[in-house]
Amino acid sequence: MGRISAEGYHHVVEAWTAGQLRRALAGVPDDTPLTASMPISLAPRPCAPGEDDDWVVTDLEEGPPGQAANLLLDRPTGRYVHIHREEVDD
């Protein structure tokens, strides 16, 4: 059996603007593929497919020449709920 509790928290992130993204891509060749990655777990809560469809670009990881550059995504600034699940022995 387990206990479940919830705690609100404020998540703050700097979402990139179109200008920031353009500057970050300035040195990336036009034929470079782009990928995007979102955190598997945004500590303290995991992502829920279908519910977590609001993402913002926060950074760019450039790969080696000829490989994809990766946009890093995060949840927008806002208030979220952290669900704690604790297994308890009876």
C-alpha atoms as a PDB file:
ATOM      1  CA  MET A   1       0.000   0.000   0.000  1.00  0.00           C
ATOM      2  CA  GLY A   2       1.182   3.548  -0.505  1.00  0.00           C
ATOM      3  CA  ARG A   3       0.592   7.119   0.483  1.00  0.00           C
ATOM      4  CA  ILE A   4       0.010   9.894  -1.996  1.00  0.00           C
ATOM      5  CA  SER A   5       0.410  13.575  -1.228  1.00  0.00           C
ATOM      6  CA  ALA A   6       0.586  16.679  -3.382  1.00  0.00           C
ATOM      7  CA  GLU A   7       2.557  19.880  -3.070  1.00  0.00           C
ATOM      8  CA  GLY A   8       2.384  22.956  -5.291  1.00  0.00           C
ATOM      9  CA  TYR A   9       5.547  24.551  -6.634  1.00  0.00           C
ATOM     10  CA  HIS A  10       6.449  27.435  -8.916  1.00  0.00           C
ATOM     11  CA  HIS A  11       8.563  26.471 -11.943  1.00  0.00           C
ATOM     12  CA  VAL A  12      10.539  29.325 -13.525  1.00  0.00           C
ATOM     13  CA  VAL A  13      12.214  29.026 -16.919  1.00  0.00           C
ATOM     14  CA  GLU A  14      13.520  31.501 -19.495  1.00  0.00           C
ATOM     15  CA  ALA A  15      11.660  30.718 -22.716  1.00  0.00           C
ATOM     16  CA  TRP A  16      13.617  31.673 -25.815  1.00  0.00           C
ATOM     17  CA  THR A  17      12.313  34.242 -28.241  1.00  0.00           C
ATOM     18  CA  ALA A  18      12.424  33.822 -32.028  1.00  0.00           C
ATOM     19  CA  GLY A  19      15.429  36.184 -32.047  1.00  0.00           C
ATOM     20  CA  GLN A  20      17.335  34.057 -29.528  1.00  0.00           C
ATOM     21  CA  LEU A  21      16.661  30.954 -31.601  1.00  0.00           C
ATOM     22  CA  ARG A  22      17.772  32.667 -34.821  1.00  0.00           C
ATOM     23  CA  ARG A  23      21.023  33.789 -33.177  1.00  0.00           C
ATOM     24  CA  ALA A  24      21.658  30.289 -31.808  1.00  0.00           C
ATOM     25  CA  LEU A  25      21.102  28.810 -35.283  1.00  0.00           C
ATOM     26  CA  ALA A  26      23.260  31.417 -37.053  1.00  0.00           C
ATOM     27  CA  GLY A  27      26.279  29.118 -37.371  1.00  0.00           C
ATOM     28  CA  VAL A  28      24.292  25.943 -38.044  1.00  0.00           C
ATOM     29  CA  PRO A  29      24.291  24.922 -41.738  1.00  0.00           C
ATOM     30  CA  ASP A  30      20.899  25.123 -43.495  1.00  0.00           C
ATOM     31  CA  ASP A  31      20.794  21.380 -44.193  1.00  0.00           C
ATOM     32  CA  THR A  32      21.325  20.391 -40.536  1.00  0.00           C
ATOM     33  CA  PRO A  33      18.388  18.370 -39.202  1.00  0.00           C
ATOM     34  CA  LEU A  34      16.768  19.618 -35.994  1.00  0.00           C
ATOM     35  CA  THR A  35      15.454  17.455 -33.194  1.00  0.00           C
ATOM     36  CA  ALA A  36      13.739  18.467 -29.977  1.00  0.00           C
ATOM     37  CA  SER A  37      13.856  16.807 -26.589  1.00  0.00           C
ATOM     38  CA  MET A  38      11.680  17.227 -23.565  1.00  0.00           C
ATOM     39  CA  PRO A  39      12.648  15.987 -20.135  1.00  0.00           C
ATOM     40  CA  ILE A  40      11.444  12.481 -19.320  1.00  0.00           C
ATOM     41  CA  SER A  41      10.957  13.714 -15.789  1.00  0.00           C
ATOM     42  CA  LEU A  42      10.650  17.312 -14.848  1.00  0.00           C
ATOM     43  CA  ALA A  43      11.592  16.932 -11.251  1.00  0.00           C
ATOM     44  CA  PRO A  44       9.593  16.619  -9.252  1.00  0.00           C
ATOM     45  CA  ARG A  45       6.848  15.174 -11.493  1.00  0.00           C
ATOM     46  CA  PRO A  46       6.919  12.975 -14.604  1.00  0.00           C
ATOM     47  CA  CYS A  47       5.439  14.107 -17.913  1.00  0.00           C
ATOM     48  CA  ALA A  48       1.991  12.836 -18.826  1.00  0.00           C
ATOM     49  CA  PRO A  49       1.424  12.333 -22.574  1.00  0.00           C
ATOM     50  CA  GLY A  50      -1.689  14.139 -23.729  1.00  0.00           C
ATOM     51  CA  GLU A  51      -1.632  16.479 -20.752  1.00  0.00           C
ATOM     52  CA  ASP A  52       1.805  17.985 -21.182  1.00  0.00           C
ATOM     53  CA  ASP A  53       1.488  19.683 -24.538  1.00  0.00           C
ATOM     54  CA  ASP A  54       2.775  23.133 -23.569  1.00  0.00           C
ATOM     55  CA  TRP A  55       6.528  23.398 -24.083  1.00  0.00           C
ATOM     56  CA  VAL A  56       8.962  26.250 -24.623  1.00  0.00           C
ATOM     57  CA  VAL A  57      12.418  26.259 -26.213  1.00  0.00           C
ATOM     58  CA  THR A  58      15.126  26.939 -23.633  1.00  0.00           C
ATOM     59  CA  ASP A  59      18.416  26.032 -25.329  1.00  0.00           C
ATOM     60  CA  LEU A  60      20.129  24.465 -28.339  1.00  0.00           C
ATOM     61  CA  GLU A  61      22.672  21.655 -28.282  1.00  0.00           C
ATOM     62  CA  GLU A  62      24.749  21.594 -31.445  1.00  0.00           C
ATOM     63  CA  GLY A  63      25.890  18.169 -32.559  1.00  0.00           C
ATOM     64  CA  PRO A  64      29.035  17.358 -34.489  1.00  0.00           C
ATOM     65  CA  PRO A  65      29.090  18.538 -38.140  1.00  0.00           C
ATOM     66  CA  GLY A  66      26.523  16.618 -40.183  1.00  0.00           C
ATOM     67  CA  GLN A  67      24.511  15.528 -37.156  1.00  0.00           C
ATOM     68  CA  ALA A  68      21.300  16.989 -35.789  1.00  0.00           C
ATOM     69  CA  ALA A  69      21.146  20.022 -33.555  1.00  0.00           C
ATOM     70  CA  ASN A  70      18.799  19.474 -30.616  1.00  0.00           C
ATOM     71  CA  LEU A  71      16.330  22.026 -29.261  1.00  0.00           C
ATOM     72  CA  LEU A  72      15.879  21.661 -25.502  1.00  0.00           C
ATOM     73  CA  LEU A  73      12.298  22.058 -24.318  1.00  0.00           C
ATOM     74  CA  ASP A  74      10.873  22.733 -20.870  1.00  0.00           C
ATOM     75  CA  ARG A  75       7.512  23.502 -19.304  1.00  0.00           C
ATOM     76  CA  PRO A  76       6.553  27.190 -19.321  1.00  0.00           C
ATOM     77  CA  THR A  77       6.907  29.235 -16.172  1.00  0.00           C
ATOM     78  CA  GLY A  78       3.953  28.522 -13.963  1.00  0.00           C
ATOM     79  CA  ARG A  79       2.544  26.789 -10.930  1.00  0.00           C
ATOM     80  CA  TYR A  80       2.589  22.990 -11.005  1.00  0.00           C
ATOM     81  CA  VAL A  81       1.777  20.175  -8.614  1.00  0.00           C
ATOM     82  CA  HIS A  82       4.348  17.685  -7.366  1.00  0.00           C
ATOM     83  CA  ILE A  83       2.750  14.305  -6.627  1.00  0.00           C
ATOM     84  CA  HIS A  84       4.569  12.318  -3.950  1.00  0.00           C
ATOM     85  CA  ARG A  85       4.062   8.562  -3.965  1.00  0.00           C
ATOM     86  CA  GLU A  86       5.472   6.657  -1.030  1.00  0.00           C
ATOM     87  CA  GLU A  87       5.298   2.911  -0.582  1.00  0.00           C
ATOM     88  CA  VAL A  88       4.337   1.977   2.960  1.00  0.00           C
ATOM     89  CA  ASP A  89       4.631  -1.495   4.468  1.00  0.00           C
ATOM     90  CA  ASP A  90       1.576  -2.604   6.394  1.00  0.00           C
END
